[in-house]
Amino acid sequence: MYKIYNEKKIIGYGLLDNVYGKSLPITFLVMYDSEGKILCSEIIKYREPYGGAVQSKEWNDQFKGKNVNSDFQPGKDISGISGATISVNSLTKGIKKLTLLLNEILSK
């Protein structure tokens, strides 16, 4: 976990993780405000030959504003991408996991 400071005050967090696509890991970063709301998500390294549309800014923008109380359901709350079903599901699950983890850390 990375802490983002403005002078001595924490103003946000960054969490970096990997999920598996079809056969290779996908490295991603999620940035949060100080209360655990998602500011942005970004694919750092996509290693699969197909499904790379999850790297688009537009697809990642749909996570903005989500928090621990949000739904993270591909096909309902999160747009699916034809040809990237495994990547969409894996990344959505990974971003939800990090959001839950950060909430646990902040509540202690």
Protein backbone atom coordinates (compact mmCIF):
# COMPACT_ATOMS: atom_id res chain seq x y z
CA MET A 1 0.00 0.00 0.00
CA TYR A 2 1.23 3.44 -0.94
CA LYS A 3 0.21 6.46 1.11
CA ILE A 4 -0.14 9.84 -0.59
CA TYR A 5 0.63 12.85 1.55
CA ASN A 6 0.05 16.57 1.30
CA GLU A 7 2.61 17.87 3.74
CA LYS A 8 1.97 15.58 6.75
CA LYS A 9 -1.67 14.69 6.04
CA ILE A 10 -2.66 11.50 4.18
CA ILE A 11 -4.83 12.48 1.23
CA GLY A 12 -5.01 9.13 -0.56
CA TYR A 13 -3.80 5.59 -1.09
CA GLY A 14 -2.56 3.49 -3.96
CA LEU A 15 -2.75 -0.29 -4.10
CA LEU A 16 -0.93 -2.38 -6.70
CA ASP A 17 -1.86 -6.00 -7.39
CA ASN A 18 -1.98 -8.77 -9.98
CA VAL A 19 -4.87 -10.89 -11.20
CA TYR A 20 -4.78 -13.66 -13.75
CA GLY A 21 -6.21 -13.15 -17.20
CA LYS A 22 -6.65 -16.25 -19.33
CA SER A 23 -3.14 -17.50 -18.63
CA LEU A 24 -0.91 -14.57 -17.63
CA PRO A 25 -0.95 -12.01 -14.82
CA ILE A 26 -2.39 -8.54 -15.27
CA THR A 27 -0.78 -5.88 -13.08
CA PHE A 28 -3.05 -3.01 -12.04
CA LEU A 29 -3.11 0.00 -9.74
CA VAL A 30 -6.09 1.51 -7.93
CA MET A 31 -5.93 4.99 -6.41
CA TYR A 32 -8.26 5.94 -3.54
CA ASP A 33 -9.08 9.12 -1.66
CA SER A 34 -8.49 9.24 2.10
CA GLU A 35 -11.93 7.72 2.77
CA GLY A 36 -11.56 4.72 0.45
CA LYS A 37 -13.45 5.98 -2.61
CA ILE A 38 -11.86 5.02 -5.94
CA LEU A 39 -10.29 7.93 -7.79
CA CYS A 40 -8.97 5.89 -10.72
CA SER A 41 -7.73 2.50 -11.83
CA GLU A 42 -5.02 1.79 -14.36
CA ILE A 43 -3.62 -1.32 -16.01
CA ILE A 44 0.14 -1.23 -15.49
CA LYS A 45 1.07 -4.34 -17.51
CA TYR A 46 -1.22 -6.40 -19.72
CA ARG A 47 0.48 -9.58 -20.92
CA GLU A 48 -2.30 -11.43 -22.77
CA PRO A 49 -2.51 -11.39 -26.59
CA TYR A 50 -6.30 -10.72 -26.49
CA GLY A 51 -8.69 -8.73 -24.32
CA GLY A 52 -6.53 -5.64 -24.07
CA ALA A 53 -9.57 -3.34 -24.20
CA VAL A 54 -9.57 -3.37 -20.38
CA GLN A 55 -6.62 -1.02 -20.61
CA SER A 56 -8.79 1.77 -22.02
CA LYS A 57 -9.39 4.86 -19.94
CA GLU A 58 -13.11 4.67 -20.69
CA TRP A 59 -13.45 1.15 -19.28
CA ASN A 60 -11.42 2.00 -16.18
CA ASP A 61 -13.39 5.22 -15.60
CA GLN A 62 -16.47 3.23 -14.58
CA PHE A 63 -14.79 2.39 -11.25
CA LYS A 64 -14.47 6.08 -10.28
CA GLY A 65 -16.48 6.91 -7.20
CA LYS A 66 -17.06 3.29 -6.16
CA ASN A 67 -16.35 2.28 -2.58
CA VAL A 68 -16.80 -0.69 -0.25
CA ASN A 69 -20.60 -0.35 -0.45
CA SER A 70 -20.72 -0.36 -4.26
CA ASP A 71 -21.68 -3.27 -6.45
CA PHE A 72 -18.97 -4.64 -8.70
CA GLN A 73 -20.95 -6.89 -11.03
CA PRO A 74 -19.74 -7.35 -14.60
CA GLY A 75 -22.63 -7.04 -17.02
CA LYS A 76 -24.67 -5.02 -14.54
CA ASP A 77 -22.55 -2.35 -12.82
CA ILE A 78 -19.41 -2.94 -14.87
CA SER A 79 -19.55 -3.04 -18.66
CA GLY A 80 -18.50 -6.27 -20.31
CA ILE A 81 -16.15 -6.30 -23.29
CA SER A 82 -16.57 -8.81 -26.10
CA GLY A 83 -13.41 -10.89 -26.32
CA ALA A 84 -12.23 -9.84 -22.86
CA THR A 85 -14.65 -11.68 -20.58
CA ILE A 86 -11.96 -13.30 -18.43
CA SER A 87 -9.99 -10.06 -18.08
CA VAL A 88 -13.13 -8.05 -17.21
CA ASN A 89 -14.16 -10.56 -14.54
CA SER A 90 -10.65 -10.89 -13.10
CA LEU A 91 -9.99 -7.16 -12.92
CA THR A 92 -13.40 -6.36 -11.48
CA LYS A 93 -12.91 -8.99 -8.79
CA GLY A 94 -9.37 -7.69 -8.10
CA ILE A 95 -10.49 -4.06 -7.79
CA LYS A 96 -13.32 -5.08 -5.46
CA LYS A 97 -10.87 -7.12 -3.37
CA LEU A 98 -8.50 -4.16 -2.98
CA THR A 99 -11.42 -1.89 -2.06
CA LEU A 100 -12.53 -4.32 0.66
CA LEU A 101 -8.94 -4.69 1.88
CA LEU A 102 -8.40 -0.93 2.11
CA ASN A 103 -11.68 -0.58 4.01
CA GLU A 104 -10.48 -3.15 6.54
CA ILE A 105 -7.15 -1.35 6.95
CA LEU A 106 -8.81 2.06 7.37
CA SER A 107 -11.33 0.76 9.92
CA LYS A 108 -8.57 -0.40 12.29
